[in-house]
Amino acid sequence: MNFIKKISSVEPDNVLVGQYKVSGNMDILGELYQRYMDLVYGVCLKYMKDPEEAKDCVLSIFEELVSKLKKYPVEHFKAWLYQLAKNHCLMKLRKEKTRPVNIDLSNVHLPDNEHPMFEFNKEDNLKQMEYCLGQLASSQRQVIELFYLQSKCYKEIAQATGMEDNLVRSFIQNGRRNLKICMEKKGLEKLL
């Protein structure tokens, strides 16, 4: 997994972080990352449970690091990198969880009135869900769409909207509650 030329440096992390932020030298970033690559791999393996997926995450995290390290103030690189790796894995798992799963119901033998395909009409429910989204206050609708439909995290939503993190969290909670109430009135509570 050695993808950057290693610099032999005994400089502390914070010095290398400062040098990278000023110069953008990938060799410096490679040295920093090389120091903690085993830590990052361990975090990724813990969450992904698959060595190959963990290796892919290690590479993706390095790519994230190229831009994120320049953007954010980093006092303790090791702790910051650990959190970056953890967040990367959690977001990846969250996206995979929301990925549609194709289930073949053709071999399921239930009476028509008990078969899942007859339980609800998907298209009508989606129209009613869109209606309920439209009934939310614009700020609630905006954060709900960013969080659930675009899989953005609180910080990304806060940056995109200019809202405080706590306000984003509040709008998501209240928006979800109001959406659920509207959908229950429409008879769609089974979808939530």
Protein backbone atom coordinates (compact mmCIF):
# COMPACT_ATOMS: atom_id res chain seq x y z
CA MET A 1 0.00 0.00 0.00
CA ASN A 2 2.96 2.30 -0.41
CA PHE A 3 1.63 4.83 -2.92
CA ILE A 4 3.67 7.94 -2.05
CA LYS A 5 7.44 8.31 -1.99
CA LYS A 6 8.46 8.18 1.64
CA ILE A 7 10.36 11.14 3.08
CA SER A 8 12.64 10.28 5.94
CA SER A 9 11.57 12.89 8.45
CA VAL A 10 11.64 13.14 12.20
CA GLU A 11 9.59 16.32 12.21
CA PRO A 12 6.56 16.31 14.53
CA ASP A 13 3.13 15.93 12.92
CA ASN A 14 2.11 19.54 13.47
CA VAL A 15 5.24 20.80 11.66
CA LEU A 16 4.55 18.52 8.68
CA VAL A 17 0.89 19.59 8.64
CA GLY A 18 1.98 23.23 8.50
CA GLN A 19 4.50 22.50 5.75
CA TYR A 20 1.89 20.66 3.69
CA LYS A 21 -0.67 23.44 4.10
CA VAL A 22 1.85 25.98 2.81
CA SER A 23 3.51 23.95 0.05
CA GLY A 24 0.90 21.35 -0.97
CA ASN A 25 3.81 18.92 -1.31
CA MET A 26 2.35 15.42 -1.67
CA ASP A 27 5.55 13.83 -0.35
CA ILE A 28 5.02 15.61 2.97
CA LEU A 29 1.40 14.45 3.07
CA GLY A 30 2.56 10.94 2.17
CA GLU A 31 4.98 10.95 5.10
CA LEU A 32 2.24 12.06 7.49
CA TYR A 33 -0.18 9.46 6.18
CA GLN A 34 2.43 6.70 6.16
CA ARG A 35 2.96 7.20 9.90
CA TYR A 36 -0.65 6.33 10.64
CA MET A 37 -1.66 4.13 7.71
CA ASP A 38 -1.85 1.07 9.99
CA LEU A 39 -4.15 2.99 12.33
CA VAL A 40 -6.38 4.04 9.41
CA TYR A 41 -6.46 0.49 8.07
CA GLY A 42 -7.40 -0.82 11.53
CA VAL A 43 -10.27 1.67 11.82
CA CYS A 44 -11.50 0.80 8.33
CA LEU A 45 -11.28 -2.93 8.97
CA LYS A 46 -13.20 -2.50 12.24
CA TYR A 47 -16.12 -0.84 10.45
CA MET A 48 -16.04 -2.45 7.00
CA LYS A 49 -15.33 -6.03 8.23
CA ASP A 50 -13.68 -6.86 4.89
CA PRO A 51 -9.92 -6.47 4.24
CA GLU A 52 -10.34 -5.48 0.58
CA GLU A 53 -13.02 -2.89 1.36
CA ALA A 54 -10.83 -1.58 4.19
CA LYS A 55 -7.91 -1.16 1.75
CA ASP A 56 -10.17 0.73 -0.66
CA CYS A 57 -11.23 3.00 2.18
CA VAL A 58 -7.58 3.66 3.14
CA LEU A 59 -6.92 4.91 -0.39
CA SER A 60 -10.12 6.98 -0.47
CA ILE A 61 -9.28 8.57 2.86
CA PHE A 62 -5.87 9.62 1.51
CA GLU A 63 -7.66 11.28 -1.42
CA GLU A 64 -9.96 13.10 1.03
CA LEU A 65 -6.97 14.12 3.07
CA VAL A 66 -5.43 16.01 0.13
CA SER A 67 -8.12 18.70 0.28
CA LYS A 68 -9.50 18.41 3.81
CA LEU A 69 -6.17 18.89 5.55
CA LYS A 70 -5.83 22.25 3.81
CA LYS A 71 -9.36 23.33 4.77
CA TYR A 72 -9.50 22.53 8.47
CA PRO A 73 -7.37 23.63 11.40
CA VAL A 74 -5.69 20.47 12.70
CA GLU A 75 -3.95 20.56 16.07
CA HIS A 76 -3.59 16.82 16.70
CA PHE A 77 -3.17 15.10 13.35
CA LYS A 78 -3.42 11.52 14.63
CA ALA A 79 -6.72 12.12 16.45
CA TRP A 80 -8.10 14.15 13.54
CA LEU A 81 -7.12 11.44 11.03
CA TYR A 82 -8.71 8.77 13.23
CA GLN A 83 -11.99 10.74 13.25
CA LEU A 84 -11.77 11.34 9.49
CA ALA A 85 -11.34 7.59 8.89
CA LYS A 86 -14.19 6.72 11.22
CA ASN A 87 -16.54 9.26 9.59
CA HIS A 88 -15.56 8.05 6.11
CA CYS A 89 -16.42 4.45 7.00
CA LEU A 90 -19.69 5.38 8.72
CA MET A 91 -20.79 7.47 5.73
CA LYS A 92 -19.91 4.62 3.37
CA LEU A 93 -21.90 2.17 5.47
CA ARG A 94 -24.81 4.59 5.67
CA LYS A 95 -24.87 5.00 1.88
CA GLU A 96 -24.76 1.23 1.42
CA LYS A 97 -27.60 0.82 3.89
CA THR A 98 -29.79 3.23 1.93
CA ARG A 99 -28.91 1.60 -1.39
CA PRO A 100 -32.01 -0.15 -2.76
CA VAL A 101 -32.02 -3.89 -2.43
CA ASN A 102 -33.65 -5.92 -5.18
CA ILE A 103 -35.75 -8.71 -3.72
CA ASP A 104 -37.36 -11.24 -5.98
CA LEU A 105 -40.90 -11.77 -4.66
CA SER A 106 -41.99 -13.94 -7.56
CA ASN A 107 -41.56 -17.18 -5.60
CA VAL A 108 -43.34 -15.97 -2.48
CA HIS A 109 -46.66 -17.76 -2.16
CA LEU A 110 -49.05 -15.81 0.02
CA PRO A 111 -52.71 -15.03 -0.44
CA ASP A 112 -53.11 -11.90 -2.58
CA ASN A 113 -54.29 -9.77 0.31
CA GLU A 114 -51.18 -10.69 2.37
CA HIS A 115 -48.58 -10.40 -0.37
CA PRO A 116 -46.23 -7.41 0.15
CA MET A 117 -46.80 -6.23 -3.42
CA PHE A 118 -50.47 -5.67 -2.65
CA GLU A 119 -49.88 -3.93 0.66
CA PHE A 120 -49.35 -0.55 -0.95
CA ASN A 121 -49.02 1.09 -4.31
CA LYS A 122 -45.49 2.46 -4.42
CA GLU A 123 -46.13 5.23 -6.95
CA ASP A 124 -49.09 6.65 -5.03
CA ASN A 125 -47.11 6.54 -1.81
CA LEU A 126 -44.20 8.40 -3.37
CA LYS A 127 -46.58 11.10 -4.62
CA GLN A 128 -48.07 11.40 -1.15
CA MET A 129 -44.60 11.53 0.39
CA GLU A 130 -43.66 14.34 -2.03
CA TYR A 131 -46.86 16.11 -1.01
CA CYS A 132 -45.92 15.78 2.68
CA LEU A 133 -42.39 17.04 2.00
CA GLY A 134 -43.98 20.05 0.33
CA GLN A 135 -46.01 20.72 3.48
CA LEU A 136 -42.89 21.12 5.63
CA ALA A 137 -41.43 24.53 6.40
CA SER A 138 -38.83 25.34 3.75
CA SER A 139 -35.88 25.06 6.17
CA GLN A 140 -37.10 21.67 7.42
CA ARG A 141 -37.70 20.43 3.88
CA GLN A 142 -34.25 21.59 2.80
CA VAL A 143 -32.38 19.76 5.58
CA ILE A 144 -34.57 16.63 5.29
CA GLU A 145 -33.83 16.41 1.56
CA LEU A 146 -30.11 16.97 2.10
CA PHE A 147 -29.93 14.45 4.94
CA TYR A 148 -32.14 11.64 3.62
CA LEU A 149 -32.14 12.04 -0.15
CA GLN A 150 -28.58 13.26 -0.67
CA SER A 151 -27.02 11.42 2.32
CA LYS A 152 -25.30 14.54 3.67
CA CYS A 153 -24.04 14.60 7.26
CA TYR A 154 -24.89 17.38 9.74
CA LYS A 155 -21.62 19.24 9.10
CA GLU A 156 -22.07 19.12 5.32
CA ILE A 157 -25.62 20.44 5.67
CA ALA A 158 -24.45 23.19 8.00
CA GLN A 159 -21.77 24.22 5.50
CA ALA A 160 -24.17 24.09 2.54
CA THR A 161 -26.91 26.08 4.25
CA GLY A 162 -24.92 28.33 6.59
CA MET A 163 -26.91 27.03 9.57
CA GLU A 164 -25.46 26.11 12.97
CA ASP A 165 -25.02 22.36 13.62
CA ASN A 166 -27.61 22.43 16.43
CA LEU A 167 -30.14 24.14 14.19
CA VAL A 168 -29.59 21.52 11.47
CA ARG A 169 -30.15 18.74 14.02
CA SER A 170 -33.32 20.45 15.26
CA PHE A 171 -34.71 20.93 11.75
CA ILE A 172 -34.05 17.28 10.92
CA GLN A 173 -35.78 16.06 14.08
CA ASN A 174 -38.76 18.39 13.72
CA GLY A 175 -38.99 17.84 9.97
CA ARG A 176 -38.96 14.07 10.40
CA ARG A 177 -41.67 14.32 13.06
CA ASN A 178 -43.84 16.60 10.90
CA LEU A 179 -43.31 14.38 7.85
CA LYS A 180 -44.36 11.34 9.87
CA ILE A 181 -47.50 13.09 11.13
CA CYS A 182 -48.47 14.12 7.60
CA MET A 183 -47.83 10.62 6.25
CA GLU A 184 -49.82 9.01 9.05
CA LYS A 185 -52.74 11.24 8.11
CA LYS A 186 -52.34 9.99 4.54
CA GLY A 187 -52.24 6.37 5.76
CA LEU A 188 -48.55 5.84 5.01
CA GLU A 189 -47.22 5.18 8.49
CA LYS A 190 -45.96 1.75 7.39
CA LEU A 191 -43.31 3.44 5.24
CA LEU A 192 -41.66 5.29 8.13
